[in-house]
C-alpha cells in the first residue's frame, strides 16, 4: 500500500484548508499556522488518515472601544473593517443584517431594522429593540463583503430628550359624584298603648296565730 510522506500531506492539508477558511470565516486575507500532525490507521476506511492542526488568524489594526461603567459596549470601531472590500455577494437582507448585528451581543430576538441601509460596500442602518438590559436603539455599520460589524454606536434613548414629544399623561378622572342620600322613610304611626286591665288582687293568705308558749 502506497502512503504519501508526511511533508507532502502537510503541504496538501494547508493548501486545501486555506481557501476554505478564508471563504467560510472572513473572506479576507488570513495567516495560517500549521500545528502538530499525526497519521493513524482507520479500521473502517482501512487506510491511513492524516490529521493536521491549523491555526488561522488575521492582523488587526486600531480598534476603538467605549465601555459603560457596567461593562457594556457603547461604541465600537474597527479601522480594518471600515475599509470597503466591495459589495456583499449575495446582497444582505434585513434578516442577514440582524444576524450580523447579533454577533456583538447587544441585539436580542425582538430587534427590527428601523432604517434600511443604502446599497453599497458599507451598510449603515439602525436597529430598534425592546430587550431587558439592552440598548433601545443602536446604529451599525456592516462591511458587506466581510459580513462583519465594522462599527456600532448606542444611540440615546429618545424618551426625555428636548424636542421629543412626550407621551400624553393620563387625564385626570372626574370625581365620582357622591351617593345620593336615601329618602327618609315616614315615621311609622305609634302603636296606641293598650288600656291597663285591672289585675284581680290575689287573696291574702290567712293569718295563722301561733299558740303562745310559756316557760316556767
N, C-alpha and C. Protein backbone atom coordinates (compact mmCIF):
# COMPACT_ATOMS: atom_id res chain seq x y z
N UNK A 1 0.86 -1.19 0.00
CA UNK A 1 0.00 0.00 0.00
C UNK A 1 0.89 1.24 0.00
N UNK A 2 0.56 2.18 -0.90
CA UNK A 2 1.39 3.37 -1.05
C UNK A 2 0.89 4.46 -0.10
N UNK A 3 1.81 5.09 0.62
CA UNK A 3 1.50 6.17 1.55
C UNK A 3 2.38 7.37 1.24
N UNK A 4 1.74 8.55 1.13
CA UNK A 4 2.49 9.77 0.85
C UNK A 4 3.33 10.15 2.07
N UNK A 5 4.46 10.77 1.87
CA UNK A 5 5.26 11.25 3.01
C UNK A 5 4.50 12.31 3.79
N UNK A 6 4.78 12.43 5.06
CA UNK A 6 4.06 13.38 5.90
C UNK A 6 4.30 14.82 5.45
N UNK A 7 5.47 15.15 4.96
CA UNK A 7 5.72 16.51 4.48
C UNK A 7 4.77 16.86 3.34
N UNK A 8 4.56 15.91 2.45
CA UNK A 8 3.65 16.14 1.34
C UNK A 8 2.21 16.26 1.84
N UNK A 9 1.83 15.44 2.81
CA UNK A 9 0.48 15.51 3.37
C UNK A 9 0.25 16.84 4.07
N UNK A 10 1.25 17.33 4.78
CA UNK A 10 1.12 18.62 5.45
C UNK A 10 0.92 19.74 4.42
N UNK A 11 1.64 19.68 3.34
CA UNK A 11 1.51 20.69 2.30
C UNK A 11 0.12 20.65 1.66
N UNK A 12 -0.38 19.45 1.42
CA UNK A 12 -1.71 19.31 0.82
C UNK A 12 -2.80 19.78 1.79
N UNK A 13 -2.61 19.49 3.08
CA UNK A 13 -3.63 19.87 4.07
C UNK A 13 -3.78 21.38 4.17
N UNK A 14 -2.66 22.09 4.29
CA UNK A 14 -2.75 23.55 4.44
C UNK A 14 -3.15 24.21 3.12
N UNK A 15 -2.80 23.58 2.01
CA UNK A 15 -3.23 24.12 0.72
C UNK A 15 -4.73 23.99 0.52
N UNK A 16 -5.33 22.94 1.08
CA UNK A 16 -6.78 22.76 0.96
C UNK A 16 -7.54 23.58 2.00
N UNK A 17 -6.97 23.69 3.22
CA UNK A 17 -7.67 24.38 4.30
C UNK A 17 -7.68 25.89 4.11
N UNK A 18 -6.63 26.45 3.51
CA UNK A 18 -6.54 27.90 3.38
C UNK A 18 -7.73 28.53 2.69
N UNK A 19 -8.05 28.17 1.45
CA UNK A 19 -9.20 28.77 0.76
C UNK A 19 -10.53 28.51 1.48
N UNK A 20 -10.65 27.35 2.09
CA UNK A 20 -11.91 27.05 2.80
C UNK A 20 -12.10 27.98 4.00
N UNK A 21 -11.03 28.15 4.79
CA UNK A 21 -11.14 29.03 5.97
C UNK A 21 -11.41 30.47 5.56
N UNK A 22 -10.76 30.96 4.52
CA UNK A 22 -10.94 32.33 4.10
C UNK A 22 -12.37 32.58 3.60
N UNK A 23 -12.97 31.60 2.93
CA UNK A 23 -14.32 31.79 2.41
C UNK A 23 -15.38 31.62 3.49
N UNK A 24 -15.11 30.75 4.46
CA UNK A 24 -16.12 30.49 5.49
C UNK A 24 -16.16 31.61 6.52
N UNK A 25 -15.00 32.08 6.98
CA UNK A 25 -14.96 32.99 8.12
C UNK A 25 -14.99 34.46 7.74
N UNK A 26 -14.04 34.94 6.99
CA UNK A 26 -13.96 36.39 6.79
C UNK A 26 -13.88 36.82 5.34
N UNK A 27 -13.61 35.94 4.42
CA UNK A 27 -13.35 36.31 3.02
C UNK A 27 -12.25 37.37 2.95
N UNK A 28 -11.34 37.32 3.88
CA UNK A 28 -10.22 38.26 3.93
C UNK A 28 -8.93 37.47 4.02
N UNK A 29 -7.83 38.19 3.94
CA UNK A 29 -6.52 37.53 3.98
C UNK A 29 -6.23 37.01 5.38
N UNK A 30 -5.91 35.74 5.47
CA UNK A 30 -5.62 35.11 6.75
C UNK A 30 -4.18 34.63 6.78
N UNK A 31 -3.66 34.51 7.97
CA UNK A 31 -2.37 33.87 8.17
C UNK A 31 -2.62 32.50 8.78
N UNK A 32 -2.05 31.47 8.17
CA UNK A 32 -2.28 30.09 8.61
C UNK A 32 -0.99 29.54 9.21
N UNK A 33 -1.12 29.04 10.43
CA UNK A 33 -0.01 28.38 11.09
C UNK A 33 -0.36 26.92 11.28
N UNK A 34 0.51 26.04 10.79
CA UNK A 34 0.24 24.61 10.90
C UNK A 34 0.85 24.07 12.18
N UNK A 35 0.00 23.35 12.94
CA UNK A 35 0.43 22.81 14.21
C UNK A 35 0.81 21.34 14.12
N UNK A 36 0.68 20.62 15.22
CA UNK A 36 1.05 19.20 15.24
C UNK A 36 0.19 18.38 14.28
N UNK A 37 0.74 17.27 13.85
CA UNK A 37 0.01 16.36 12.96
C UNK A 37 0.30 14.92 13.35
N UNK A 38 -0.56 14.04 12.89
CA UNK A 38 -0.35 12.61 13.16
C UNK A 38 -1.02 11.82 12.05
N UNK A 39 -0.56 10.61 11.88
CA UNK A 39 -1.15 9.68 10.92
C UNK A 39 -1.53 8.42 11.67
N UNK A 40 -2.77 7.95 11.48
CA UNK A 40 -3.23 6.74 12.18
C UNK A 40 -4.07 5.89 11.24
N UNK A 41 -4.09 4.61 11.56
CA UNK A 41 -4.83 3.64 10.75
C UNK A 41 -6.31 3.67 11.14
N UNK A 42 -7.18 3.79 10.13
CA UNK A 42 -8.63 3.75 10.34
C UNK A 42 -9.13 2.37 9.96
N UNK A 43 -9.60 1.57 10.97
CA UNK A 43 -10.02 0.20 10.65
C UNK A 43 -11.29 0.14 9.80
N UNK A 44 -12.09 1.19 9.80
CA UNK A 44 -13.30 1.18 8.99
C UNK A 44 -12.98 1.54 7.54
N UNK A 45 -12.23 2.61 7.36
CA UNK A 45 -11.83 3.00 6.00
C UNK A 45 -10.72 2.11 5.45
N UNK A 46 -10.04 1.42 6.36
CA UNK A 46 -8.94 0.54 6.00
C UNK A 46 -7.86 1.31 5.24
N UNK A 47 -7.50 2.42 5.82
CA UNK A 47 -6.43 3.23 5.25
C UNK A 47 -5.87 4.14 6.33
N UNK A 48 -4.70 4.68 6.06
CA UNK A 48 -4.12 5.64 6.97
C UNK A 48 -4.78 7.00 6.77
N UNK A 49 -5.08 7.68 7.89
CA UNK A 49 -5.70 9.00 7.85
C UNK A 49 -4.73 10.00 8.49
N UNK A 50 -4.53 11.11 7.76
CA UNK A 50 -3.61 12.14 8.23
C UNK A 50 -4.41 13.25 8.91
N UNK A 51 -4.05 13.62 10.14
CA UNK A 51 -4.68 14.70 10.89
C UNK A 51 -3.66 15.82 11.08
N UNK A 52 -4.09 17.04 10.79
CA UNK A 52 -3.21 18.19 10.97
C UNK A 52 -3.98 19.33 11.62
N UNK A 53 -3.36 19.99 12.57
CA UNK A 53 -3.95 21.14 13.25
C UNK A 53 -3.47 22.42 12.56
N UNK A 54 -4.45 23.29 12.21
CA UNK A 54 -4.12 24.54 11.52
C UNK A 54 -4.76 25.69 12.29
N UNK A 55 -3.98 26.69 12.62
CA UNK A 55 -4.47 27.88 13.31
C UNK A 55 -4.53 29.03 12.32
N UNK A 56 -5.73 29.66 12.23
CA UNK A 56 -5.92 30.77 11.30
C UNK A 56 -6.10 32.06 12.10
N UNK A 57 -5.45 33.14 11.67
CA UNK A 57 -5.60 34.41 12.35
C UNK A 57 -5.38 35.54 11.35
N UNK A 58 -5.84 36.71 11.74
CA UNK A 58 -5.73 37.88 10.88
C UNK A 58 -5.24 39.06 11.71
N UNK A 59 -4.39 39.86 11.12
CA UNK A 59 -3.88 41.06 11.81
C UNK A 59 -5.01 42.07 11.98
N UNK A 60 -4.98 42.75 13.12
CA UNK A 60 -5.96 43.79 13.40
C UNK A 60 -5.25 45.13 13.50
N UNK A 61 -5.92 46.14 12.93
CA UNK A 61 -5.42 47.49 13.09
C UNK A 61 -6.04 48.08 14.35
N UNK A 62 -6.09 49.38 14.40
CA UNK A 62 -6.60 50.07 15.58
C UNK A 62 -8.09 49.79 15.77
N UNK A 63 -8.46 49.42 16.99
CA UNK A 63 -9.86 49.19 17.36
C UNK A 63 -10.19 50.15 18.49
N UNK A 64 -11.30 50.83 18.34
CA UNK A 64 -11.73 51.81 19.34
C UNK A 64 -12.94 51.28 20.11
N UNK A 65 -12.86 51.35 21.43
CA UNK A 65 -13.94 50.90 22.30
C UNK A 65 -14.29 52.01 23.28
N UNK A 66 -15.57 52.16 23.53
CA UNK A 66 -16.05 52.94 24.67
C UNK A 66 -17.01 52.03 25.44
N UNK A 67 -16.71 51.82 26.71
CA UNK A 67 -17.46 50.87 27.52
C UNK A 67 -18.09 51.62 28.69
N UNK A 68 -19.33 51.26 29.03
CA UNK A 68 -20.02 51.88 30.15
C UNK A 68 -19.44 51.37 31.47
N UNK A 69 -19.72 52.05 32.61
CA UNK A 69 -19.23 51.54 33.90
C UNK A 69 -19.71 50.13 34.20
N UNK A 70 -20.84 49.73 33.58
CA UNK A 70 -21.35 48.38 33.81
C UNK A 70 -20.66 47.35 32.92
N UNK A 71 -19.75 47.81 32.04
CA UNK A 71 -19.04 46.88 31.17
C UNK A 71 -19.73 46.61 29.86
N UNK A 72 -20.74 47.42 29.49
CA UNK A 72 -21.45 47.23 28.22
C UNK A 72 -20.83 48.15 27.17
N UNK A 73 -20.73 47.64 25.94
CA UNK A 73 -20.14 48.40 24.84
C UNK A 73 -21.09 49.53 24.45
N UNK A 74 -20.58 50.75 24.40
CA UNK A 74 -21.36 51.91 23.95
C UNK A 74 -20.94 52.35 22.56
N UNK A 75 -19.68 52.11 22.19
CA UNK A 75 -19.20 52.46 20.87
C UNK A 75 -18.06 51.52 20.50
N UNK A 76 -18.03 51.13 19.20
CA UNK A 76 -17.00 50.21 18.71
C UNK A 76 -16.69 50.58 17.26
N UNK A 77 -15.40 50.67 16.94
CA UNK A 77 -14.97 50.91 15.56
C UNK A 77 -13.73 50.06 15.27
N UNK A 78 -13.78 49.36 14.14
CA UNK A 78 -12.64 48.56 13.69
C UNK A 78 -12.12 49.20 12.41
N UNK A 79 -10.93 49.79 12.48
CA UNK A 79 -10.38 50.52 11.34
C UNK A 79 -10.23 49.62 10.13
N UNK A 80 -9.83 48.39 10.32
CA UNK A 80 -9.62 47.48 9.19
C UNK A 80 -10.94 47.14 8.51
N UNK A 81 -11.99 46.91 9.31
CA UNK A 81 -13.28 46.56 8.71
C UNK A 81 -13.96 47.74 8.05
N UNK A 82 -13.57 48.97 8.43
CA UNK A 82 -14.18 50.15 7.83
C UNK A 82 -13.65 50.44 6.44
N UNK A 83 -12.66 49.66 5.99
CA UNK A 83 -12.17 49.81 4.62
C UNK A 83 -13.05 48.98 3.70
N UNK A 84 -13.71 49.61 2.71
CA UNK A 84 -14.60 48.86 1.81
C UNK A 84 -13.84 47.76 1.07
N UNK A 85 -14.46 46.59 1.00
CA UNK A 85 -13.88 45.45 0.30
C UNK A 85 -14.70 45.07 -0.92
N UNK A 86 -15.73 45.85 -1.21
CA UNK A 86 -16.62 45.51 -2.32
C UNK A 86 -18.01 45.21 -1.79
N UNK A 87 -19.00 45.16 -2.69
CA UNK A 87 -20.39 44.92 -2.26
C UNK A 87 -20.58 43.50 -1.77
N UNK A 88 -21.65 43.33 -0.98
CA UNK A 88 -21.98 41.99 -0.48
C UNK A 88 -22.45 41.12 -1.64
N UNK A 89 -22.02 39.89 -1.66
CA UNK A 89 -22.41 38.95 -2.71
C UNK A 89 -22.74 37.60 -2.08
N UNK A 90 -24.02 37.23 -1.99
CA UNK A 90 -25.20 37.95 -2.48
C UNK A 90 -25.55 39.12 -1.57
N UNK A 91 -26.46 40.02 -2.03
CA UNK A 91 -26.86 41.16 -1.19
C UNK A 91 -27.44 40.70 0.13
N UNK A 92 -27.23 41.50 1.17
CA UNK A 92 -27.68 41.16 2.52
C UNK A 92 -29.12 41.59 2.71
N UNK A 93 -29.92 40.72 3.29
CA UNK A 93 -31.30 41.03 3.62
C UNK A 93 -31.36 41.60 5.04
N UNK A 94 -32.57 42.04 5.44
CA UNK A 94 -32.73 42.55 6.81
C UNK A 94 -32.42 41.47 7.83
N UNK A 95 -32.83 40.24 7.53
CA UNK A 95 -32.53 39.13 8.44
C UNK A 95 -31.03 38.90 8.55
N UNK A 96 -30.29 39.04 7.42
CA UNK A 96 -28.83 38.90 7.46
C UNK A 96 -28.20 39.99 8.32
N UNK A 97 -28.70 41.23 8.17
CA UNK A 97 -28.14 42.34 8.93
C UNK A 97 -28.35 42.14 10.43
N UNK A 98 -29.54 41.66 10.81
CA UNK A 98 -29.81 41.42 12.23
C UNK A 98 -28.93 40.30 12.77
N UNK A 99 -28.70 39.28 11.96
CA UNK A 99 -27.84 38.17 12.40
C UNK A 99 -26.41 38.65 12.60
N UNK A 100 -25.92 39.50 11.71
CA UNK A 100 -24.56 40.03 11.85
C UNK A 100 -24.49 40.96 13.07
N UNK A 101 -25.51 41.80 13.25
CA UNK A 101 -25.53 42.72 14.40
C UNK A 101 -25.57 41.95 15.71
N UNK A 102 -26.23 40.78 15.72
CA UNK A 102 -26.35 40.00 16.94
C UNK A 102 -25.01 39.44 17.42
N UNK A 103 -24.00 39.41 16.54
CA UNK A 103 -22.69 38.91 16.97
C UNK A 103 -22.03 39.82 18.00
N UNK A 104 -22.53 41.05 18.14
CA UNK A 104 -21.99 41.97 19.15
C UNK A 104 -22.48 41.63 20.55
N UNK A 105 -23.53 40.83 20.66
CA UNK A 105 -24.09 40.53 21.97
C UNK A 105 -25.01 41.59 22.50
N UNK A 106 -25.31 42.62 21.69
CA UNK A 106 -26.17 43.72 22.13
C UNK A 106 -27.50 43.75 21.39
N UNK A 107 -27.81 42.72 20.65
CA UNK A 107 -29.05 42.67 19.87
C UNK A 107 -29.79 41.40 20.24
N UNK A 108 -31.07 41.55 20.62
CA UNK A 108 -31.88 40.42 21.03
C UNK A 108 -32.88 40.00 19.96
N UNK A 109 -33.72 39.02 20.28
CA UNK A 109 -34.66 38.48 19.29
C UNK A 109 -35.77 39.44 18.90
N UNK A 110 -36.04 40.49 19.69
CA UNK A 110 -37.12 41.41 19.36
C UNK A 110 -36.67 42.53 18.42
N UNK A 111 -35.40 42.55 18.04
CA UNK A 111 -34.84 43.65 17.26
C UNK A 111 -35.43 43.69 15.85
N UNK A 112 -35.59 44.90 15.33
CA UNK A 112 -36.01 45.12 13.96
C UNK A 112 -35.09 46.17 13.34
N UNK A 113 -34.97 46.13 12.00
CA UNK A 113 -34.21 47.15 11.29
C UNK A 113 -35.09 48.38 11.16
N UNK A 114 -34.72 49.45 11.86
CA UNK A 114 -35.55 50.66 11.87
C UNK A 114 -35.34 51.49 10.61
N UNK A 115 -34.10 51.63 10.17
CA UNK A 115 -33.79 52.37 8.95
C UNK A 115 -32.98 51.46 8.03
N UNK A 116 -33.48 51.26 6.82
CA UNK A 116 -32.81 50.36 5.87
C UNK A 116 -31.56 51.03 5.32
N UNK A 117 -30.50 50.27 5.08
CA UNK A 117 -29.26 50.86 4.58
C UNK A 117 -29.33 51.16 3.09
N UNK A 118 -28.51 52.10 2.66
CA UNK A 118 -28.35 52.38 1.23
C UNK A 118 -27.42 51.32 0.64
N UNK A 119 -27.76 50.71 -0.52
CA UNK A 119 -26.90 49.69 -1.10
C UNK A 119 -25.49 50.20 -1.34
N UNK A 120 -24.51 49.36 -1.07
CA UNK A 120 -23.11 49.73 -1.25
C UNK A 120 -22.22 48.80 -0.46
N UNK A 121 -20.91 49.02 -0.50
CA UNK A 121 -20.00 48.14 0.23
C UNK A 121 -20.11 48.27 1.74
N UNK A 122 -20.47 49.48 2.24
CA UNK A 122 -20.63 49.71 3.67
C UNK A 122 -22.10 50.02 3.94
N UNK A 123 -22.72 49.23 4.80
CA UNK A 123 -24.15 49.32 5.03
C UNK A 123 -24.39 49.91 6.42
N UNK A 124 -25.00 51.09 6.46
CA UNK A 124 -25.31 51.76 7.72
C UNK A 124 -26.81 51.67 7.97
N UNK A 125 -27.19 51.21 9.15
CA UNK A 125 -28.60 51.05 9.48
C UNK A 125 -28.76 51.16 10.99
N UNK A 126 -30.00 51.35 11.41
CA UNK A 126 -30.32 51.49 12.83
C UNK A 126 -31.24 50.36 13.24
N UNK A 127 -30.97 49.81 14.41
CA UNK A 127 -31.77 48.72 14.97
C UNK A 127 -32.53 49.25 16.18
N UNK A 128 -33.80 48.89 16.27
CA UNK A 128 -34.61 49.22 17.44
C UNK A 128 -35.06 47.91 18.08
N UNK A 129 -35.09 47.89 19.41
CA UNK A 129 -35.48 46.68 20.12
C UNK A 129 -36.05 47.03 21.49
N UNK A 130 -36.73 46.07 22.06
CA UNK A 130 -37.26 46.20 23.42
C UNK A 130 -36.81 44.98 24.20
N UNK A 131 -35.56 45.02 24.64
CA UNK A 131 -34.95 43.92 25.37
C UNK A 131 -34.50 44.41 26.74
N UNK A 132 -34.69 43.56 27.74
CA UNK A 132 -34.28 43.90 29.09
C UNK A 132 -32.76 44.01 29.16
N UNK A 133 -32.27 45.11 29.75
CA UNK A 133 -30.83 45.36 29.95
C UNK A 133 -30.06 45.46 28.63
N UNK A 134 -30.75 45.84 27.53
CA UNK A 134 -30.08 46.06 26.26
C UNK A 134 -30.46 47.43 25.72
N UNK A 135 -29.59 48.06 24.91
CA UNK A 135 -29.92 49.38 24.37
C UNK A 135 -31.19 49.34 23.53
N UNK A 136 -31.92 50.46 23.53
CA UNK A 136 -33.15 50.54 22.75
C UNK A 136 -32.87 50.75 21.27
N UNK A 137 -31.86 51.58 20.95
CA UNK A 137 -31.54 51.89 19.57
C UNK A 137 -30.02 51.84 19.40
N UNK A 138 -29.57 51.19 18.31
CA UNK A 138 -28.15 51.07 18.01
C UNK A 138 -27.95 51.32 16.52
N UNK A 139 -26.92 52.11 16.20
CA UNK A 139 -26.54 52.32 14.80
C UNK A 139 -25.38 51.41 14.46
N UNK A 140 -25.49 50.69 13.36
CA UNK A 140 -24.45 49.75 12.92
C UNK A 140 -23.91 50.15 11.56
N UNK A 141 -22.63 49.83 11.35
CA UNK A 141 -22.01 49.89 10.03
C UNK A 141 -21.45 48.50 9.76
N UNK A 142 -21.95 47.85 8.71
CA UNK A 142 -21.54 46.49 8.37
C UNK A 142 -20.75 46.52 7.07
N UNK A 143 -19.61 45.85 7.07
CA UNK A 143 -18.83 45.66 5.85
C UNK A 143 -19.48 44.53 5.07
N UNK A 144 -20.08 44.88 3.91
CA UNK A 144 -20.86 43.90 3.16
C UNK A 144 -20.05 42.71 2.69
N UNK A 145 -18.83 42.94 2.20
CA UNK A 145 -18.02 41.84 1.68
C UNK A 145 -17.54 40.93 2.81
N UNK A 146 -17.18 41.53 3.96
CA UNK A 146 -16.71 40.73 5.09
C UNK A 146 -17.85 40.14 5.89
N UNK A 147 -19.06 40.73 5.75
CA UNK A 147 -20.22 40.30 6.53
C UNK A 147 -19.92 40.41 8.03
N UNK A 148 -19.31 41.54 8.41
CA UNK A 148 -18.92 41.77 9.80
C UNK A 148 -19.29 43.20 10.20
N UNK A 149 -19.51 43.39 11.51
CA UNK A 149 -19.78 44.71 12.04
C UNK A 149 -18.48 45.51 12.04
N UNK A 150 -18.47 46.63 11.31
CA UNK A 150 -17.29 47.49 11.28
C UNK A 150 -17.35 48.54 12.36
N UNK A 151 -18.56 48.95 12.74
CA UNK A 151 -18.73 49.96 13.78
C UNK A 151 -20.13 49.85 14.34
N UNK A 152 -20.28 50.25 15.60
CA UNK A 152 -21.59 50.31 16.23
C UNK A 152 -21.57 51.44 17.25
N UNK A 153 -22.74 52.05 17.45
CA UNK A 153 -22.86 53.13 18.42
C UNK A 153 -24.24 53.06 19.06
N UNK A 154 -24.26 53.03 20.37
CA UNK A 154 -25.53 53.02 21.10
C UNK A 154 -26.08 54.44 21.08
N UNK A 155 -27.30 54.59 20.56
CA UNK A 155 -27.93 55.89 20.47
C UNK A 155 -28.68 56.20 21.76
N UNK A 156 -28.80 57.49 22.10
CA UNK A 156 -29.52 57.83 23.33
C UNK A 156 -30.98 57.47 23.23
N UNK A 157 -31.56 57.16 24.37
CA UNK A 157 -32.97 56.85 24.44
C UNK A 157 -33.75 58.12 24.10
N UNK A 158 -34.64 58.08 23.09
CA UNK A 158 -35.34 59.32 22.71
C UNK A 158 -36.26 59.84 23.78
N UNK A 159 -36.70 59.02 24.70
CA UNK A 159 -37.61 59.48 25.74
C UNK A 159 -36.85 60.39 26.70
N UNK A 160 -37.39 61.59 26.91
CA UNK A 160 -36.78 62.52 27.83
C UNK A 160 -35.84 63.52 27.18
N UNK A 161 -35.56 63.38 25.85
CA UNK A 161 -34.70 64.35 25.19
C UNK A 161 -35.49 65.61 24.84
N UNK A 162 -34.84 66.79 24.86
CA UNK A 162 -35.56 68.01 24.50
C UNK A 162 -36.01 67.96 23.04
N UNK A 163 -37.20 68.43 22.79
CA UNK A 163 -37.74 68.44 21.43
C UNK A 163 -38.47 67.18 21.05
N UNK A 164 -38.39 66.16 21.89
CA UNK A 164 -39.11 64.92 21.60
C UNK A 164 -40.42 64.96 22.35
N UNK A 165 -41.54 64.89 21.63
CA UNK A 165 -42.83 64.97 22.34
C UNK A 165 -42.98 63.82 23.31
N UNK A 166 -43.48 64.16 24.45
CA UNK A 166 -43.69 63.15 25.47
C UNK A 166 -45.05 62.50 25.27
N UNK A 167 -45.14 61.31 25.70
CA UNK A 167 -46.42 60.63 25.62
C UNK A 167 -47.41 61.34 26.52
N UNK A 168 -48.65 61.56 26.03
CA UNK A 168 -49.62 62.29 26.87
C UNK A 168 -49.88 61.54 28.15
N UNK A 169 -50.01 62.31 29.22
CA UNK A 169 -50.29 61.68 30.50
C UNK A 169 -51.74 61.25 30.59
N UNK A 170 -52.02 60.49 31.55
CA UNK A 170 -53.40 60.04 31.76
C UNK A 170 -54.23 61.23 32.23
N UNK A 171 -55.38 61.49 31.58
CA UNK A 171 -56.21 62.62 32.03
C UNK A 171 -56.73 62.36 33.42
N UNK A 172 -56.94 63.50 34.12
CA UNK A 172 -57.49 63.37 35.47
C UNK A 172 -58.92 62.86 35.37
N UNK A 173 -59.19 61.85 36.06
CA UNK A 173 -60.53 61.29 36.04
C UNK A 173 -61.45 62.17 36.87
N UNK A 174 -62.70 62.44 36.39
CA UNK A 174 -63.62 63.26 37.19
C UNK A 174 -63.94 62.57 38.49
N UNK A 175 -64.15 63.42 39.46
CA UNK A 175 -64.50 62.88 40.76
C UNK A 175 -65.87 62.21 40.66
N UNK A 176 -65.97 61.07 41.20
CA UNK A 176 -67.25 60.37 41.18
C UNK A 176 -68.24 61.13 42.06
N UNK A 177 -69.45 61.39 41.53
CA UNK A 177 -70.43 62.13 42.36
C UNK A 177 -70.75 61.35 43.61
N UNK A 178 -71.07 62.12 44.65
CA UNK A 178 -71.42 61.47 45.91
C UNK A 178 -72.70 60.66 45.78
N UNK A 179 -72.82 59.66 46.56
CA UNK A 179 -74.02 58.83 46.52
C UNK A 179 -75.19 59.65 47.04
N UNK A 180 -76.33 59.66 46.30
CA UNK A 180 -77.50 60.41 46.80
C UNK A 180 -77.98 59.81 48.10
N UNK A 181 -78.47 60.73 48.93
CA UNK A 181 -78.96 60.25 50.21
C UNK A 181 -80.26 59.48 49.99
N UNK A 182 -80.37 58.43 50.71
CA UNK A 182 -81.59 57.64 50.60
C UNK A 182 -82.75 58.45 51.19
N UNK A 183 -83.90 58.46 50.48
CA UNK A 183 -85.04 59.23 51.03
C UNK A 183 -85.43 58.71 52.40
N UNK A 184 -85.72 59.67 53.27
CA UNK A 184 -86.08 59.26 54.64
C UNK A 184 -87.48 58.66 54.63
N UNK A 185 -87.61 57.63 55.38
CA UNK A 185 -88.90 56.95 55.48
C UNK A 185 -89.80 57.70 56.46
N UNK A 186 -91.11 57.78 56.15
CA UNK A 186 -92.01 58.46 57.11
C UNK A 186 -92.05 57.70 58.42
N UNK A 187 -92.19 58.48 59.44
CA UNK A 187 -92.24 57.84 60.75
C UNK A 187 -93.47 56.95 60.83
N UNK A 188 -93.23 55.76 61.30
CA UNK A 188 -94.36 54.84 61.45
C UNK A 188 -95.27 55.33 62.58
N UNK A 189 -96.60 55.16 62.39
CA UNK A 189 -97.53 55.61 63.47
C UNK A 189 -97.25 54.87 64.76
N UNK A 190 -97.30 55.62 65.81
CA UNK A 190 -97.04 54.98 67.11
C UNK A 190 -98.19 54.05 67.46
N UNK A 191 -97.85 52.97 68.09
CA UNK A 191 -98.86 51.97 68.47
C UNK A 191 -99.52 52.44 69.76
N UNK A 192 -100.85 52.59 69.74
CA UNK A 192 -101.52 53.05 70.97
C UNK A 192 -101.31 52.08 72.10
N UNK A 193 -101.18 52.69 73.24
CA UNK A 193 -100.99 51.85 74.42
C UNK A 193 -102.32 51.17 74.76
N UNK A 194 -102.23 49.90 75.00
CA UNK A 194 -103.45 49.16 75.39
C UNK A 194 -103.87 49.60 76.79
N UNK A 195 -105.16 49.78 76.96
CA UNK A 195 -105.62 50.21 78.30
C UNK A 195 -105.23 49.20 79.36
N UNK A 196 -104.81 49.74 80.43
CA UNK A 196 -104.39 48.83 81.51
C UNK A 196 -105.61 48.09 82.03
N UNK A 197 -105.48 46.81 82.09
CA UNK A 197 -106.58 45.99 82.61
C UNK A 197 -106.33 45.73 84.08
N UNK A 198 -107.33 45.98 84.89
CA UNK A 198 -107.11 45.75 86.33
C UNK A 198 -106.85 44.30 86.62
N UNK A 199 -105.73 44.09 87.25
CA UNK A 199 -105.42 42.70 87.59
C UNK A 199 -106.08 42.38 88.91
N UNK A 200 -106.83 41.27 88.96
CA UNK A 200 -107.50 40.91 90.22
C UNK A 200 -106.49 40.68 91.33
N UNK A 201 -106.75 41.22 92.47
CA UNK A 201 -105.82 41.03 93.59
C UNK A 201 -105.80 39.60 94.06
N UNK A 202 -104.67 39.17 94.45
CA UNK A 202 -104.53 37.81 94.95
C UNK A 202 -105.10 37.75 96.36
N UNK A 203 -105.79 36.66 96.69
CA UNK A 203 -106.34 36.53 98.05
C UNK A 203 -105.22 36.48 99.07
N UNK A 204 -105.43 37.20 100.11
CA UNK A 204 -104.41 37.21 101.15
C UNK A 204 -104.40 35.86 101.86
N UNK A 205 -103.21 35.45 102.17
CA UNK A 205 -103.08 34.19 102.92
C UNK A 205 -103.63 34.37 104.33
N UNK A 206 -104.38 33.40 104.79
CA UNK A 206 -104.96 33.54 106.13
C UNK A 206 -103.84 33.60 107.19
N UNK A 207 -104.02 34.47 108.12
CA UNK A 207 -103.03 34.59 109.20
C UNK A 207 -103.21 33.45 110.22
N UNK A 208 -102.12 32.83 110.50
CA UNK A 208 -102.15 31.71 111.47
C UNK A 208 -101.57 32.24 112.78
N UNK A 209 -102.31 32.12 113.82
CA UNK A 209 -101.88 32.58 115.13
C UNK A 209 -101.25 31.43 115.89
N UNK A 210 -99.96 31.60 116.10
CA UNK A 210 -99.24 30.54 116.79
C UNK A 210 -99.61 30.54 118.27
N UNK A 211 -99.76 29.38 118.86
CA UNK A 211 -100.08 29.33 120.31
C UNK A 211 -98.94 29.91 121.14
N UNK A 212 -99.24 30.59 122.12
CA UNK A 212 -98.27 31.22 122.98
C UNK A 212 -97.71 30.14 123.94
N UNK A 213 -96.48 30.06 124.00
CA UNK A 213 -95.82 29.05 124.86
C UNK A 213 -95.19 29.78 126.03
N UNK A 214 -95.53 29.33 127.17
CA UNK A 214 -94.98 29.92 128.39
C UNK A 214 -93.92 29.02 128.97
N UNK A 215 -92.86 29.65 129.42
CA UNK A 215 -91.80 28.87 130.09
C UNK A 215 -91.93 29.03 131.58
N UNK A 216 -91.78 28.02 132.29
CA UNK A 216 -91.86 28.14 133.76
C UNK A 216 -90.77 29.10 134.27
